[in-house]
Amino acid sequence: MTLNELRSALQSILQAEQDPDVDWPKVSRLCSNTLAAVKREPPDYTDDIVYVFLEDSELRQEDRDYASVQRERLANWLEGSEIISR
């Protein structure tokens, strides 16, 4: 998986979680599929926050405060990885 593919997948997940009526089964599938792809073919650049985010969709569903912090951390990672992906 390339860094750009990972970034795109993560942005899709973040967008799905921003919907007023979050489809959590869909979010869970997106996370599982992305995590499997990352494990199969790790991108050149990643961070633990990516793995934590992809593994914790159930926790984000149950705890809004945790979800907010995780989304913010991932957004920061995405911002930093944009520079690297150029």
C-alpha atoms as a PDB file:
ATOM      1  CA  MET A   1       0.000   0.000   0.000  1.00  0.00           C
ATOM      2  CA  THR A   2       1.423   3.365  -0.937  1.00  0.00           C
ATOM      3  CA  LEU A   3       1.376   6.310   1.409  1.00  0.00           C
ATOM      4  CA  ASN A   4      -1.110   8.068  -0.871  1.00  0.00           C
ATOM      5  CA  GLU A   5      -3.416   5.030  -0.821  1.00  0.00           C
ATOM      6  CA  LEU A   6      -3.204   4.906   2.978  1.00  0.00           C
ATOM      7  CA  ARG A   7      -3.897   8.616   3.268  1.00  0.00           C
ATOM      8  CA  SER A   8      -6.924   8.283   0.989  1.00  0.00           C
ATOM      9  CA  ALA A   9      -8.300   5.327   2.950  1.00  0.00           C
ATOM     10  CA  LEU A  10      -7.854   7.128   6.273  1.00  0.00           C
ATOM     11  CA  GLN A  11      -9.509  10.267   4.950  1.00  0.00           C
ATOM     12  CA  SER A  12     -12.472   8.152   3.809  1.00  0.00           C
ATOM     13  CA  ILE A  13     -12.785   6.688   7.291  1.00  0.00           C
ATOM     14  CA  LEU A  14     -12.612  10.124   8.916  1.00  0.00           C
ATOM     15  CA  GLN A  15     -15.268  11.384   6.531  1.00  0.00           C
ATOM     16  CA  ALA A  16     -17.533   8.409   7.290  1.00  0.00           C
ATOM     17  CA  GLU A  17     -17.207   9.147  11.006  1.00  0.00           C
ATOM     18  CA  GLN A  18     -18.209  12.777  10.495  1.00  0.00           C
ATOM     19  CA  ASP A  19     -21.632  11.860   9.117  1.00  0.00           C
ATOM     20  CA  PRO A  20     -24.454  12.775  11.523  1.00  0.00           C
ATOM     21  CA  ASP A  21     -25.697   9.164  11.468  1.00  0.00           C
ATOM     22  CA  VAL A  22     -22.411   7.259  11.488  1.00  0.00           C
ATOM     23  CA  ASP A  23     -22.646   3.838   9.879  1.00  0.00           C
ATOM     24  CA  TRP A  24     -20.357   2.099  12.377  1.00  0.00           C
ATOM     25  CA  PRO A  25     -20.436  -1.306  10.640  1.00  0.00           C
ATOM     26  CA  LYS A  26     -19.192   0.467   7.491  1.00  0.00           C
ATOM     27  CA  VAL A  27     -16.490   2.275   9.485  1.00  0.00           C
ATOM     28  CA  SER A  28     -15.441  -1.016  11.040  1.00  0.00           C
ATOM     29  CA  ARG A  29     -15.181  -2.665   7.599  1.00  0.00           C
ATOM     30  CA  LEU A  30     -13.166   0.240   6.204  1.00  0.00           C
ATOM     31  CA  CYS A  31     -10.812   0.049   9.180  1.00  0.00           C
ATOM     32  CA  SER A  32     -10.412  -3.727   8.927  1.00  0.00           C
ATOM     33  CA  ASN A  33      -9.777  -3.631   5.190  1.00  0.00           C
ATOM     34  CA  THR A  34      -7.264  -0.815   5.507  1.00  0.00           C
ATOM     35  CA  LEU A  35      -5.465  -2.476   8.405  1.00  0.00           C
ATOM     36  CA  ALA A  36      -5.198  -5.725   6.444  1.00  0.00           C
ATOM     37  CA  ALA A  37      -3.764  -3.851   3.452  1.00  0.00           C
ATOM     38  CA  VAL A  38      -1.247  -2.020   5.654  1.00  0.00           C
ATOM     39  CA  LYS A  39      -0.121  -5.283   7.241  1.00  0.00           C
ATOM     40  CA  ARG A  40       0.184  -6.979   3.840  1.00  0.00           C
ATOM     41  CA  GLU A  41       2.149  -4.179   2.248  1.00  0.00           C
ATOM     42  CA  PRO A  42       3.299  -1.515   4.734  1.00  0.00           C
ATOM     43  CA  PRO A  43       3.682   1.972   3.296  1.00  0.00           C
ATOM     44  CA  ASP A  44       7.025   3.769   3.424  1.00  0.00           C
ATOM     45  CA  TYR A  45       5.831   5.987   6.237  1.00  0.00           C
ATOM     46  CA  THR A  46       3.376   5.292   9.011  1.00  0.00           C
ATOM     47  CA  ASP A  47       3.040   5.741  12.744  1.00  0.00           C
ATOM     48  CA  ASP A  48       1.516   3.911  15.690  1.00  0.00           C
ATOM     49  CA  ILE A  49      -1.453   6.307  15.614  1.00  0.00           C
ATOM     50  CA  VAL A  50      -2.490   4.775  12.279  1.00  0.00           C
ATOM     51  CA  TYR A  51      -2.580   1.271  13.729  1.00  0.00           C
ATOM     52  CA  VAL A  52      -4.332   2.398  16.911  1.00  0.00           C
ATOM     53  CA  PHE A  53      -6.939   4.294  14.904  1.00  0.00           C
ATOM     54  CA  LEU A  54      -7.612   1.349  12.601  1.00  0.00           C
ATOM     55  CA  GLU A  55      -7.915  -1.078  15.514  1.00  0.00           C
ATOM     56  CA  ASP A  56     -10.141   1.075  17.748  1.00  0.00           C
ATOM     57  CA  SER A  57     -13.326   1.769  15.802  1.00  0.00           C
ATOM     58  CA  GLU A  58     -15.443   0.086  18.499  1.00  0.00           C
ATOM     59  CA  LEU A  59     -13.899   2.242  21.220  1.00  0.00           C
ATOM     60  CA  ARG A  60     -14.539   5.375  19.154  1.00  0.00           C
ATOM     61  CA  GLN A  61     -18.151   4.306  18.740  1.00  0.00           C
ATOM     62  CA  GLU A  62     -18.578   3.870  22.496  1.00  0.00           C
ATOM     63  CA  ASP A  63     -16.630   6.898  23.747  1.00  0.00           C
ATOM     64  CA  ARG A  64     -17.101  10.274  22.038  1.00  0.00           C
ATOM     65  CA  ASP A  65     -14.233  11.911  23.916  1.00  0.00           C
ATOM     66  CA  TYR A  66     -11.837   9.142  22.943  1.00  0.00           C
ATOM     67  CA  ALA A  67     -13.099   9.352  19.358  1.00  0.00           C
ATOM     68  CA  SER A  68     -12.487  13.079  19.242  1.00  0.00           C
ATOM     69  CA  VAL A  69      -8.913  12.719  20.475  1.00  0.00           C
ATOM     70  CA  GLN A  70      -8.179   9.858  18.068  1.00  0.00           C
ATOM     71  CA  ARG A  71      -9.589  11.728  15.080  1.00  0.00           C
ATOM     72  CA  GLU A  72      -7.573  14.805  15.990  1.00  0.00           C
ATOM     73  CA  ARG A  73      -4.374  12.757  16.321  1.00  0.00           C
ATOM     74  CA  LEU A  74      -5.015  11.086  12.983  1.00  0.00           C
ATOM     75  CA  ALA A  75      -5.777  14.413  11.302  1.00  0.00           C
ATOM     76  CA  ASN A  76      -2.443  15.729  12.599  1.00  0.00           C
ATOM     77  CA  TRP A  77      -0.663  12.652  11.245  1.00  0.00           C
ATOM     78  CA  LEU A  78      -2.378  13.098   7.881  1.00  0.00           C
ATOM     79  CA  GLU A  79      -1.288  16.719   7.775  1.00  0.00           C
ATOM     80  CA  GLY A  80       2.331  15.732   8.458  1.00  0.00           C
ATOM     81  CA  SER A  81       2.259  12.851   6.001  1.00  0.00           C
ATOM     82  CA  GLU A  82       1.022  15.160   3.246  1.00  0.00           C
ATOM     83  CA  ILE A  83       4.415  16.819   3.184  1.00  0.00           C
ATOM     84  CA  ILE A  84       6.161  13.455   2.866  1.00  0.00           C
ATOM     85  CA  SER A  85       3.849  12.239   0.094  1.00  0.00           C
ATOM     86  CA  ARG A  86       4.788  15.086  -2.257  1.00  0.00           C
END
